[in-house]
Amino acid sequence: MAETRVRLKENVAGLLCYLLGWVTGVTFLIIEPKNRFVRFQALQSIVVFGILTVILVAVGLLVQTGYLFGVVFGLFIVFWFWLMLSAYLGTWYRLPVIGSLVDRWLAQP
């Protein structure tokens, strides 16, 4: 495993990209200009958690009961842990559509 600019192993930095959702994704995208693994995880975090934030807000505004919000939030938590674990294990887990989109963004100069 390679080290990053902030002297973390890339798998730890990849995990941290997901820790606070899109906020840490943006942070690592800014502070890590070269490590492709970390930049991939950061961009994927930004896209995924940006979309999930919008969905959670919409569900919270549209639903009178908290049950559906609770179900969506529970799925969100499981998904979040899965992404962090995958990054920590050093796997390039590419989400359908989003992973391909992120790969194309990273390939651009």
PDB file of N, CA and C in Angstrom:
ATOM      1  N   MET A   1       0.840  -1.193   0.000  1.00  0.00           N
ATOM      2  CA  MET A   1       0.000   0.000   0.000  1.00  0.00           C
ATOM      3  C   MET A   1       0.880   1.250   0.000  1.00  0.00           C
ATOM      4  N   ALA A   2       0.535   2.154  -0.843  1.00  0.00           N
ATOM      5  CA  ALA A   2       1.283   3.405  -0.946  1.00  0.00           C
ATOM      6  C   ALA A   2       0.810   4.386   0.123  1.00  0.00           C
ATOM      7  N   GLU A   3       1.694   5.317   0.463  1.00  0.00           N
ATOM      8  CA  GLU A   3       1.303   6.380   1.382  1.00  0.00           C
ATOM      9  C   GLU A   3       0.716   7.537   0.601  1.00  0.00           C
ATOM     10  N   THR A   4      -0.004   8.361   1.296  1.00  0.00           N
ATOM     11  CA  THR A   4      -0.630   9.520   0.680  1.00  0.00           C
ATOM     12  C   THR A   4       0.122  10.780   1.093  1.00  0.00           C
ATOM     13  N   ARG A   5      -0.315  11.876   0.572  1.00  0.00           N
ATOM     14  CA  ARG A   5       0.317  13.151   0.896  1.00  0.00           C
ATOM     15  C   ARG A   5       0.222  13.468   2.389  1.00  0.00           C
ATOM     16  N   VAL A   6      -0.832  13.008   3.041  1.00  0.00           N
ATOM     17  CA  VAL A   6      -1.017  13.273   4.467  1.00  0.00           C
ATOM     18  C   VAL A   6      -0.441  12.151   5.339  1.00  0.00           C
ATOM     19  N   ARG A   7       0.434  11.351   4.738  1.00  0.00           N
ATOM     20  CA  ARG A   7       1.167  10.284   5.434  1.00  0.00           C
ATOM     21  C   ARG A   7       0.270   9.208   6.039  1.00  0.00           C
ATOM     22  N   LEU A   8      -0.796   8.896   5.347  1.00  0.00           N
ATOM     23  CA  LEU A   8      -1.654   7.783   5.718  1.00  0.00           C
ATOM     24  C   LEU A   8      -1.497   6.713   4.657  1.00  0.00           C
ATOM     25  N   LYS A   9      -1.696   5.464   5.028  1.00  0.00           N
ATOM     26  CA  LYS A   9      -1.750   4.427   4.013  1.00  0.00           C
ATOM     27  C   LYS A   9      -2.992   4.686   3.170  1.00  0.00           C
ATOM     28  N   GLU A  10      -2.914   4.335   1.907  1.00  0.00           N
ATOM     29  CA  GLU A  10      -4.018   4.675   1.013  1.00  0.00           C
ATOM     30  C   GLU A  10      -5.327   4.001   1.404  1.00  0.00           C
ATOM     31  N   ASN A  11      -5.274   2.806   2.001  1.00  0.00           N
ATOM     32  CA  ASN A  11      -6.529   2.165   2.407  1.00  0.00           C
ATOM     33  C   ASN A  11      -7.190   2.917   3.565  1.00  0.00           C
ATOM     34  N   VAL A  12      -6.395   3.457   4.479  1.00  0.00           N
ATOM     35  CA  VAL A  12      -6.949   4.237   5.595  1.00  0.00           C
ATOM     36  C   VAL A  12      -7.517   5.551   5.072  1.00  0.00           C
ATOM     37  N   ALA A  13      -6.808   6.202   4.163  1.00  0.00           N
ATOM     38  CA  ALA A  13      -7.311   7.442   3.565  1.00  0.00           C
ATOM     39  C   ALA A  13      -8.590   7.164   2.779  1.00  0.00           C
ATOM     40  N   GLY A  14      -8.641   6.014   2.081  1.00  0.00           N
ATOM     41  CA  GLY A  14      -9.854   5.645   1.338  1.00  0.00           C
ATOM     42  C   GLY A  14     -11.041   5.466   2.267  1.00  0.00           C
ATOM     43  N   LEU A  15     -10.827   4.810   3.396  1.00  0.00           N
ATOM     44  CA  LEU A  15     -11.889   4.657   4.397  1.00  0.00           C
ATOM     45  C   LEU A  15     -12.351   6.020   4.896  1.00  0.00           C
ATOM     46  N   LEU A  16     -11.402   6.894   5.188  1.00  0.00           N
ATOM     47  CA  LEU A  16     -11.747   8.215   5.725  1.00  0.00           C
ATOM     48  C   LEU A  16     -12.519   9.066   4.720  1.00  0.00           C
ATOM     49  N   CYS A  17     -12.365   8.784   3.431  1.00  0.00           N
ATOM     50  CA  CYS A  17     -13.134   9.520   2.417  1.00  0.00           C
ATOM     51  C   CYS A  17     -14.636   9.357   2.633  1.00  0.00           C
ATOM     52  N   TYR A  18     -15.038   8.234   3.209  1.00  0.00           N
ATOM     53  CA  TYR A  18     -16.454   7.945   3.428  1.00  0.00           C
ATOM     54  C   TYR A  18     -16.932   8.292   4.836  1.00  0.00           C
ATOM     55  N   LEU A  19     -16.016   8.577   5.744  1.00  0.00           N
ATOM     56  CA  LEU A  19     -16.365   8.716   7.154  1.00  0.00           C
ATOM     57  C   LEU A  19     -17.480   9.729   7.408  1.00  0.00           C
ATOM     58  N   LEU A  20     -17.378  10.900   6.847  1.00  0.00           N
ATOM     59  CA  LEU A  20     -18.418  11.926   7.023  1.00  0.00           C
ATOM     60  C   LEU A  20     -19.124  12.223   5.699  1.00  0.00           C
ATOM     61  N   GLY A  21     -19.225  11.196   4.866  1.00  0.00           N
ATOM     62  CA  GLY A  21     -19.933  11.336   3.596  1.00  0.00           C
ATOM     63  C   GLY A  21     -19.207  12.258   2.637  1.00  0.00           C
ATOM     64  N   TRP A  22     -19.983  13.080   1.955  1.00  0.00           N
ATOM     65  CA  TRP A  22     -19.397  13.943   0.928  1.00  0.00           C
ATOM     66  C   TRP A  22     -18.449  14.988   1.502  1.00  0.00           C
ATOM     67  N   VAL A  23     -18.557  15.304   2.782  1.00  0.00           N
ATOM     68  CA  VAL A  23     -17.678  16.302   3.401  1.00  0.00           C
ATOM     69  C   VAL A  23     -16.223  15.808   3.396  1.00  0.00           C
ATOM     70  N   THR A  24     -16.000  14.580   3.855  1.00  0.00           N
ATOM     71  CA  THR A  24     -14.631  14.063   3.847  1.00  0.00           C
ATOM     72  C   THR A  24     -14.194  13.706   2.423  1.00  0.00           C
ATOM     73  N   GLY A  25     -15.148  13.386   1.559  1.00  0.00           N
ATOM     74  CA  GLY A  25     -14.808  13.173   0.159  1.00  0.00           C
ATOM     75  C   GLY A  25     -14.207  14.426  -0.460  1.00  0.00           C
ATOM     76  N   VAL A  26     -14.854  15.554  -0.239  1.00  0.00           N
ATOM     77  CA  VAL A  26     -14.345  16.828  -0.758  1.00  0.00           C
ATOM     78  C   VAL A  26     -12.985  17.147  -0.141  1.00  0.00           C
ATOM     79  N   THR A  27     -12.862  16.925   1.156  1.00  0.00           N
ATOM     80  CA  THR A  27     -11.604  17.212   1.852  1.00  0.00           C
ATOM     81  C   THR A  27     -10.448  16.418   1.242  1.00  0.00           C
ATOM     82  N   PHE A  28     -10.629  15.111   1.066  1.00  0.00           N
ATOM     83  CA  PHE A  28      -9.546  14.295   0.521  1.00  0.00           C
ATOM     84  C   PHE A  28      -9.308  14.565  -0.959  1.00  0.00           C
ATOM     85  N   LEU A  29     -10.330  14.945  -1.682  1.00  0.00           N
ATOM     86  CA  LEU A  29     -10.130  15.302  -3.085  1.00  0.00           C
ATOM     87  C   LEU A  29      -9.237  16.533  -3.199  1.00  0.00           C
ATOM     88  N   ILE A  30      -9.368  17.449  -2.263  1.00  0.00           N
ATOM     89  CA  ILE A  30      -8.552  18.667  -2.266  1.00  0.00           C
ATOM     90  C   ILE A  30      -7.124  18.389  -1.792  1.00  0.00           C
ATOM     91  N   ILE A  31      -6.973  17.623  -0.714  1.00  0.00           N
ATOM     92  CA  ILE A  31      -5.632  17.457  -0.125  1.00  0.00           C
ATOM     93  C   ILE A  31      -4.810  16.333  -0.743  1.00  0.00           C
ATOM     94  N   GLU A  32      -5.420  15.491  -1.551  1.00  0.00           N
ATOM     95  CA  GLU A  32      -4.684  14.379  -2.158  1.00  0.00           C
ATOM     96  C   GLU A  32      -4.698  14.505  -3.681  1.00  0.00           C
ATOM     97  N   PRO A  33      -3.712  15.195  -4.253  1.00  0.00           N
ATOM     98  CA  PRO A  33      -3.742  15.463  -5.689  1.00  0.00           C
ATOM     99  C   PRO A  33      -3.261  14.320  -6.587  1.00  0.00           C
ATOM    100  N   LYS A  34      -2.562  13.303  -6.045  1.00  0.00           N
ATOM    101  CA  LYS A  34      -1.933  12.317  -6.922  1.00  0.00           C
ATOM    102  C   LYS A  34      -2.385  10.878  -6.741  1.00  0.00           C
ATOM    103  N   ASN A  35      -2.723  10.459  -5.557  1.00  0.00           N
ATOM    104  CA  ASN A  35      -3.035   9.055  -5.316  1.00  0.00           C
ATOM    105  C   ASN A  35      -4.394   8.714  -5.943  1.00  0.00           C
ATOM    106  N   ARG A  36      -4.357   7.900  -6.995  1.00  0.00           N
ATOM    107  CA  ARG A  36      -5.571   7.582  -7.752  1.00  0.00           C
ATOM    108  C   ARG A  36      -6.596   6.825  -6.910  1.00  0.00           C
ATOM    109  N   PHE A  37      -6.140   5.896  -6.067  1.00  0.00           N
ATOM    110  CA  PHE A  37      -7.067   5.141  -5.223  1.00  0.00           C
ATOM    111  C   PHE A  37      -7.844   6.073  -4.297  1.00  0.00           C
ATOM    112  N   VAL A  38      -7.153   6.970  -3.643  1.00  0.00           N
ATOM    113  CA  VAL A  38      -7.805   7.896  -2.702  1.00  0.00           C
ATOM    114  C   VAL A  38      -8.726   8.854  -3.455  1.00  0.00           C
ATOM    115  N   ARG A  39      -8.278   9.354  -4.591  1.00  0.00           N
ATOM    116  CA  ARG A  39      -9.109  10.270  -5.375  1.00  0.00           C
ATOM    117  C   ARG A  39     -10.365   9.569  -5.877  1.00  0.00           C
ATOM    118  N   PHE A  40     -10.240   8.285  -6.272  1.00  0.00           N
ATOM    119  CA  PHE A  40     -11.410   7.519  -6.690  1.00  0.00           C
ATOM    120  C   PHE A  40     -12.409   7.400  -5.547  1.00  0.00           C
ATOM    121  N   GLN A  41     -11.928   7.013  -4.366  1.00  0.00           N
ATOM    122  CA  GLN A  41     -12.814   6.861  -3.210  1.00  0.00           C
ATOM    123  C   GLN A  41     -13.463   8.200  -2.842  1.00  0.00           C
ATOM    124  N   ALA A  42     -12.692   9.282  -2.912  1.00  0.00           N
ATOM    125  CA  ALA A  42     -13.213  10.606  -2.571  1.00  0.00           C
ATOM    126  C   ALA A  42     -14.320  11.024  -3.542  1.00  0.00           C
ATOM    127  N   LEU A  43     -14.088  10.850  -4.833  1.00  0.00           N
ATOM    128  CA  LEU A  43     -15.104  11.224  -5.821  1.00  0.00           C
ATOM    129  C   LEU A  43     -16.350  10.353  -5.701  1.00  0.00           C
ATOM    130  N   GLN A  44     -16.149   9.061  -5.479  1.00  0.00           N
ATOM    131  CA  GLN A  44     -17.297   8.177  -5.316  1.00  0.00           C
ATOM    132  C   GLN A  44     -18.095   8.570  -4.080  1.00  0.00           C
ATOM    133  N   SER A  45     -17.405   8.935  -3.018  1.00  0.00           N
ATOM    134  CA  SER A  45     -18.076   9.385  -1.801  1.00  0.00           C
ATOM    135  C   SER A  45     -18.906  10.649  -2.047  1.00  0.00           C
ATOM    136  N   ILE A  46     -18.334  11.586  -2.767  1.00  0.00           N
ATOM    137  CA  ILE A  46     -19.040  12.842  -3.056  1.00  0.00           C
ATOM    138  C   ILE A  46     -20.317  12.564  -3.838  1.00  0.00           C
ATOM    139  N   VAL A  47     -20.222  11.749  -4.879  1.00  0.00           N
ATOM    140  CA  VAL A  47     -21.388  11.478  -5.719  1.00  0.00           C
ATOM    141  C   VAL A  47     -22.443  10.685  -4.960  1.00  0.00           C
ATOM    142  N   VAL A  48     -22.023   9.591  -4.326  1.00  0.00           N
ATOM    143  CA  VAL A  48     -22.972   8.722  -3.622  1.00  0.00           C
ATOM    144  C   VAL A  48     -23.670   9.456  -2.482  1.00  0.00           C
ATOM    145  N   PHE A  49     -22.903  10.104  -1.631  1.00  0.00           N
ATOM    146  CA  PHE A  49     -23.511  10.720  -0.461  1.00  0.00           C
ATOM    147  C   PHE A  49     -24.195  12.041  -0.786  1.00  0.00           C
ATOM    148  N   GLY A  50     -23.810  12.663  -1.879  1.00  0.00           N
ATOM    149  CA  GLY A  50     -24.571  13.815  -2.354  1.00  0.00           C
ATOM    150  C   GLY A  50     -25.967  13.389  -2.768  1.00  0.00           C
ATOM    151  N   ILE A  51     -26.047  12.300  -3.546  1.00  0.00           N
ATOM    152  CA  ILE A  51     -27.347  11.772  -3.968  1.00  0.00           C
ATOM    153  C   ILE A  51     -28.154  11.299  -2.763  1.00  0.00           C
ATOM    154  N   LEU A  52     -27.515  10.557  -1.860  1.00  0.00           N
ATOM    155  CA  LEU A  52     -28.232  10.061  -0.683  1.00  0.00           C
ATOM    156  C   LEU A  52     -28.712  11.191   0.224  1.00  0.00           C
ATOM    157  N   THR A  53     -27.962  12.261   0.322  1.00  0.00           N
ATOM    158  CA  THR A  53     -28.391  13.406   1.121  1.00  0.00           C
ATOM    159  C   THR A  53     -29.666  14.002   0.544  1.00  0.00           C
ATOM    160  N   VAL A  54     -29.699  14.151  -0.765  1.00  0.00           N
ATOM    161  CA  VAL A  54     -30.902  14.683  -1.422  1.00  0.00           C
ATOM    162  C   VAL A  54     -32.090  13.748  -1.196  1.00  0.00           C
ATOM    163  N   ILE A  55     -31.865  12.439  -1.336  1.00  0.00           N
ATOM    164  CA  ILE A  55     -32.947  11.469  -1.127  1.00  0.00           C
ATOM    165  C   ILE A  55     -33.460  11.513   0.303  1.00  0.00           C
ATOM    166  N   LEU A  56     -32.547  11.546   1.281  1.00  0.00           N
ATOM    167  CA  LEU A  56     -32.976  11.577   2.680  1.00  0.00           C
ATOM    168  C   LEU A  56     -33.768  12.846   2.995  1.00  0.00           C
ATOM    169  N   VAL A  57     -33.347  13.964   2.458  1.00  0.00           N
ATOM    170  CA  VAL A  57     -34.078  15.207   2.684  1.00  0.00           C
ATOM    171  C   VAL A  57     -35.459  15.124   2.033  1.00  0.00           C
ATOM    172  N   ALA A  58     -35.524  14.611   0.795  1.00  0.00           N
ATOM    173  CA  ALA A  58     -36.806  14.499   0.096  1.00  0.00           C
ATOM    174  C   ALA A  58     -37.750  13.554   0.826  1.00  0.00           C
ATOM    175  N   VAL A  59     -37.241  12.401   1.266  1.00  0.00           N
ATOM    176  CA  VAL A  59     -38.084  11.445   1.993  1.00  0.00           C
ATOM    177  C   VAL A  59     -38.550  12.055   3.307  1.00  0.00           C
ATOM    178  N   GLY A  60     -37.661  12.745   3.973  1.00  0.00           N
ATOM    179  CA  GLY A  60     -38.027  13.382   5.241  1.00  0.00           C
ATOM    180  C   GLY A  60     -39.086  14.458   5.062  1.00  0.00           C
ATOM    181  N   LEU A  61     -39.066  15.154   3.946  1.00  0.00           N
ATOM    182  CA  LEU A  61     -40.051  16.207   3.691  1.00  0.00           C
ATOM    183  C   LEU A  61     -41.373  15.658   3.187  1.00  0.00           C
ATOM    184  N   LEU A  62     -41.328  14.539   2.462  1.00  0.00           N
ATOM    185  CA  LEU A  62     -42.535  14.005   1.840  1.00  0.00           C
ATOM    186  C   LEU A  62     -43.327  13.047   2.713  1.00  0.00           C
ATOM    187  N   VAL A  63     -42.684  12.425   3.656  1.00  0.00           N
ATOM    188  CA  VAL A  63     -43.330  11.384   4.445  1.00  0.00           C
ATOM    189  C   VAL A  63     -43.799  11.947   5.779  1.00  0.00           C
ATOM    190  N   GLN A  64     -45.049  11.675   6.085  1.00  0.00           N
ATOM    191  CA  GLN A  64     -45.608  12.131   7.361  1.00  0.00           C
ATOM    192  C   GLN A  64     -45.109  11.275   8.525  1.00  0.00           C
ATOM    193  N   THR A  65     -44.941   9.992   8.278  1.00  0.00           N
ATOM    194  CA  THR A  65     -44.481   9.110   9.348  1.00  0.00           C
ATOM    195  C   THR A  65     -42.970   8.932   9.243  1.00  0.00           C
ATOM    196  N   GLY A  66     -42.373   8.581  10.318  1.00  0.00           N
ATOM    197  CA  GLY A  66     -40.933   8.398  10.335  1.00  0.00           C
ATOM    198  C   GLY A  66     -40.495   7.008   9.923  1.00  0.00           C
ATOM    199  N   TYR A  67     -41.455   6.090   9.676  1.00  0.00           N
ATOM    200  CA  TYR A  67     -41.093   4.703   9.366  1.00  0.00           C
ATOM    201  C   TYR A  67     -40.269   4.609   8.083  1.00  0.00           C
ATOM    202  N   LEU A  68     -40.741   5.194   6.998  1.00  0.00           N
ATOM    203  CA  LEU A  68     -40.012   5.116   5.734  1.00  0.00           C
ATOM    204  C   LEU A  68     -38.659   5.794   5.849  1.00  0.00           C
ATOM    205  N   PHE A  69     -38.628   6.907   6.561  1.00  0.00           N
ATOM    206  CA  PHE A  69     -37.355   7.600   6.784  1.00  0.00           C
ATOM    207  C   PHE A  69     -36.395   6.687   7.529  1.00  0.00           C
ATOM    208  N   GLY A  70     -36.882   5.968   8.525  1.00  0.00           N
ATOM    209  CA  GLY A  70     -36.050   5.049   9.299  1.00  0.00           C
ATOM    210  C   GLY A  70     -35.504   3.917   8.450  1.00  0.00           C
ATOM    211  N   VAL A  71     -36.325   3.371   7.565  1.00  0.00           N
ATOM    212  CA  VAL A  71     -35.892   2.292   6.677  1.00  0.00           C
ATOM    213  C   VAL A  71     -34.809   2.796   5.723  1.00  0.00           C
ATOM    214  N   VAL A  72     -35.048   3.944   5.110  1.00  0.00           N
ATOM    215  CA  VAL A  72     -34.070   4.511   4.180  1.00  0.00           C
ATOM    216  C   VAL A  72     -32.770   4.832   4.912  1.00  0.00           C
ATOM    217  N   PHE A  73     -32.874   5.392   6.099  1.00  0.00           N
ATOM    218  CA  PHE A  73     -31.687   5.727   6.877  1.00  0.00           C
ATOM    219  C   PHE A  73     -30.915   4.473   7.272  1.00  0.00           C
ATOM    220  N   GLY A  74     -31.628   3.395   7.630  1.00  0.00           N
ATOM    221  CA  GLY A  74     -30.978   2.131   7.972  1.00  0.00           C
ATOM    222  C   GLY A  74     -30.203   1.559   6.791  1.00  0.00           C
ATOM    223  N   LEU A  75     -30.793   1.599   5.611  1.00  0.00           N
ATOM    224  CA  LEU A  75     -30.104   1.137   4.403  1.00  0.00           C
ATOM    225  C   LEU A  75     -28.883   2.012   4.108  1.00  0.00           C
ATOM    226  N   PHE A  76     -29.022   3.282   4.341  1.00  0.00           N
ATOM    227  CA  PHE A  76     -27.938   4.242   4.162  1.00  0.00           C
ATOM    228  C   PHE A  76     -26.753   3.866   5.052  1.00  0.00           C
ATOM    229  N   ILE A  77     -27.004   3.506   6.289  1.00  0.00           N
ATOM    230  CA  ILE A  77     -25.947   3.150   7.244  1.00  0.00           C
ATOM    231  C   ILE A  77     -25.229   1.874   6.803  1.00  0.00           C
ATOM    232  N   VAL A  78     -25.990   0.870   6.396  1.00  0.00           N
ATOM    233  CA  VAL A  78     -25.382  -0.384   5.931  1.00  0.00           C
ATOM    234  C   VAL A  78     -24.512  -0.121   4.710  1.00  0.00           C
ATOM    235  N   PHE A  79     -25.011   0.631   3.767  1.00  0.00           N
ATOM    236  CA  PHE A  79     -24.290   0.984   2.546  1.00  0.00           C
ATOM    237  C   PHE A  79     -23.009   1.750   2.877  1.00  0.00           C
ATOM    238  N   TRP A  80     -23.099   2.666   3.813  1.00  0.00           N
ATOM    239  CA  TRP A  80     -21.963   3.480   4.245  1.00  0.00           C
ATOM    240  C   TRP A  80     -20.847   2.593   4.804  1.00  0.00           C
ATOM    241  N   PHE A  81     -21.200   1.671   5.697  1.00  0.00           N
ATOM    242  CA  PHE A  81     -20.200   0.772   6.268  1.00  0.00           C
ATOM    243  C   PHE A  81     -19.582  -0.129   5.204  1.00  0.00           C
ATOM    244  N   TRP A  82     -20.379  -0.585   4.241  1.00  0.00           N
ATOM    245  CA  TRP A  82     -19.864  -1.426   3.164  1.00  0.00           C
ATOM    246  C   TRP A  82     -18.802  -0.666   2.364  1.00  0.00           C
ATOM    247  N   LEU A  83     -19.060   0.575   2.022  1.00  0.00           N
ATOM    248  CA  LEU A  83     -18.101   1.371   1.257  1.00  0.00           C
ATOM    249  C   LEU A  83     -16.819   1.605   2.061  1.00  0.00           C
ATOM    250  N   MET A  84     -16.952   1.891   3.352  1.00  0.00           N
ATOM    251  CA  MET A  84     -15.759   2.095   4.178  1.00  0.00           C
ATOM    252  C   MET A  84     -14.936   0.813   4.280  1.00  0.00           C
ATOM    253  N   LEU A  85     -15.590  -0.320   4.487  1.00  0.00           N
ATOM    254  CA  LEU A  85     -14.890  -1.597   4.596  1.00  0.00           C
ATOM    255  C   LEU A  85     -14.181  -1.940   3.287  1.00  0.00           C
ATOM    256  N   SER A  86     -14.853  -1.742   2.174  1.00  0.00           N
ATOM    257  CA  SER A  86     -14.247  -2.025   0.870  1.00  0.00           C
ATOM    258  C   SER A  86     -13.001  -1.181   0.651  1.00  0.00           C
ATOM    259  N   ALA A  87     -13.068   0.088   0.980  1.00  0.00           N
ATOM    260  CA  ALA A  87     -11.905   0.970   0.826  1.00  0.00           C
ATOM    261  C   ALA A  87     -10.783   0.541   1.763  1.00  0.00           C
ATOM    262  N   TYR A  88     -11.113   0.198   2.996  1.00  0.00           N
ATOM    263  CA  TYR A  88     -10.092  -0.218   3.955  1.00  0.00           C
ATOM    264  C   TYR A  88      -9.380  -1.497   3.509  1.00  0.00           C
ATOM    265  N   LEU A  89     -10.130  -2.388   2.878  1.00  0.00           N
ATOM    266  CA  LEU A  89      -9.531  -3.624   2.387  1.00  0.00           C
ATOM    267  C   LEU A  89      -8.734  -3.407   1.106  1.00  0.00           C
ATOM    268  N   GLY A  90      -8.775  -2.183   0.586  1.00  0.00           N
ATOM    269  CA  GLY A  90      -7.990  -1.839  -0.591  1.00  0.00           C
ATOM    270  C   GLY A  90      -8.620  -2.249  -1.906  1.00  0.00           C
ATOM    271  N   THR A  91      -9.895  -2.594  -1.880  1.00  0.00           N
ATOM    272  CA  THR A  91     -10.565  -3.008  -3.114  1.00  0.00           C
ATOM    273  C   THR A  91     -11.102  -1.795  -3.861  1.00  0.00           C
ATOM    274  N   TRP A  92     -11.085  -1.904  -5.157  1.00  0.00           N
ATOM    275  CA  TRP A  92     -11.622  -0.848  -6.019  1.00  0.00           C
ATOM    276  C   TRP A  92     -13.087  -1.169  -6.271  1.00  0.00           C
ATOM    277  N   TYR A  93     -13.900  -1.117  -5.247  1.00  0.00           N
ATOM    278  CA  TYR A  93     -15.323  -1.414  -5.405  1.00  0.00           C
ATOM    279  C   TYR A  93     -15.973  -0.273  -6.182  1.00  0.00           C
ATOM    280  N   ARG A  94     -16.418  -0.594  -7.379  1.00  0.00           N
ATOM    281  CA  ARG A  94     -17.045   0.405  -8.239  1.00  0.00           C
ATOM    282  C   ARG A  94     -18.550   0.206  -8.218  1.00  0.00           C
ATOM    283  N   LEU A  95     -19.237   1.213  -7.782  1.00  0.00           N
ATOM    284  CA  LEU A  95     -20.688   1.159  -7.802  1.00  0.00           C
ATOM    285  C   LEU A  95     -21.169   1.214  -9.247  1.00  0.00           C
ATOM    286  N   PRO A  96     -22.261   0.523  -9.552  1.00  0.00           N
ATOM    287  CA  PRO A  96     -22.790   0.607 -10.917  1.00  0.00           C
ATOM    288  C   PRO A  96     -23.063   2.074 -11.276  1.00  0.00           C
ATOM    289  N   VAL A  97     -22.774   2.443 -12.459  1.00  0.00           N
ATOM    290  CA  VAL A  97     -22.947   3.780 -13.034  1.00  0.00           C
ATOM    291  C   VAL A  97     -22.009   4.793 -12.375  1.00  0.00           C
ATOM    292  N   ILE A  98     -22.070   4.944 -11.071  1.00  0.00           N
ATOM    293  CA  ILE A  98     -21.259   5.944 -10.372  1.00  0.00           C
ATOM    294  C   ILE A  98     -19.770   5.620 -10.498  1.00  0.00           C
ATOM    295  N   GLY A  99     -19.391   4.358 -10.338  1.00  0.00           N
ATOM    296  CA  GLY A  99     -17.994   3.968 -10.459  1.00  0.00           C
ATOM    297  C   GLY A  99     -17.434   4.256 -11.840  1.00  0.00           C
ATOM    298  N   SER A 100     -18.216   3.988 -12.871  1.00  0.00           N
ATOM    299  CA  SER A 100     -17.780   4.273 -14.250  1.00  0.00           C
ATOM    300  C   SER A 100     -17.641   5.768 -14.473  1.00  0.00           C
ATOM    301  N   LEU A 101     -18.576   6.519 -13.943  1.00  0.00           N
ATOM    302  CA  LEU A 101     -18.538   7.975 -14.065  1.00  0.00           C
ATOM    303  C   LEU A 101     -17.285   8.538 -13.391  1.00  0.00           C
ATOM    304  N   VAL A 102     -16.986   8.056 -12.208  1.00  0.00           N
ATOM    305  CA  VAL A 102     -15.806   8.507 -11.467  1.00  0.00           C
ATOM    306  C   VAL A 102     -14.528   8.129 -12.221  1.00  0.00           C
ATOM    307  N   ASP A 103     -14.481   6.916 -12.777  1.00  0.00           N
ATOM    308  CA  ASP A 103     -13.316   6.509 -13.570  1.00  0.00           C
ATOM    309  C   ASP A 103     -13.080   7.455 -14.747  1.00  0.00           C
ATOM    310  N   ARG A 104     -14.156   7.842 -15.434  1.00  0.00           N
ATOM    311  CA  ARG A 104     -14.018   8.776 -16.557  1.00  0.00           C
ATOM    312  C   ARG A 104     -13.517  10.135 -16.093  1.00  0.00           C
ATOM    313  N   TRP A 105     -13.990  10.612 -14.951  1.00  0.00           N
ATOM    314  CA  TRP A 105     -13.538  11.905 -14.420  1.00  0.00           C
ATOM    315  C   TRP A 105     -12.056  11.859 -14.091  1.00  0.00           C
ATOM    316  N   LEU A 106     -11.607  10.751 -13.510  1.00  0.00           N
ATOM    317  CA  LEU A 106     -10.203  10.626 -13.131  1.00  0.00           C
ATOM    318  C   LEU A 106      -9.286  10.484 -14.346  1.00  0.00           C
ATOM    319  N   ALA A 107      -9.809   9.964 -15.438  1.00  0.00           N
ATOM    320  CA  ALA A 107      -9.007   9.777 -16.643  1.00  0.00           C
ATOM    321  C   ALA A 107      -8.762  11.085 -17.394  1.00  0.00           C
ATOM    322  N   GLN A 108      -9.581  12.097 -17.117  1.00  0.00           N
ATOM    323  CA  GLN A 108      -9.407  13.379 -17.783  1.00  0.00           C
ATOM    324  C   GLN A 108      -8.210  14.118 -17.205  1.00  0.00           C
ATOM    325  N   PRO A 109      -7.439  14.794 -18.066  1.00  0.00           N
ATOM    326  CA  PRO A 109      -6.262  15.530 -17.563  1.00  0.00           C
ATOM    327  C   PRO A 109      -6.638  16.750 -16.754  1.00  0.00           C
TER     328      PRO A 109
END
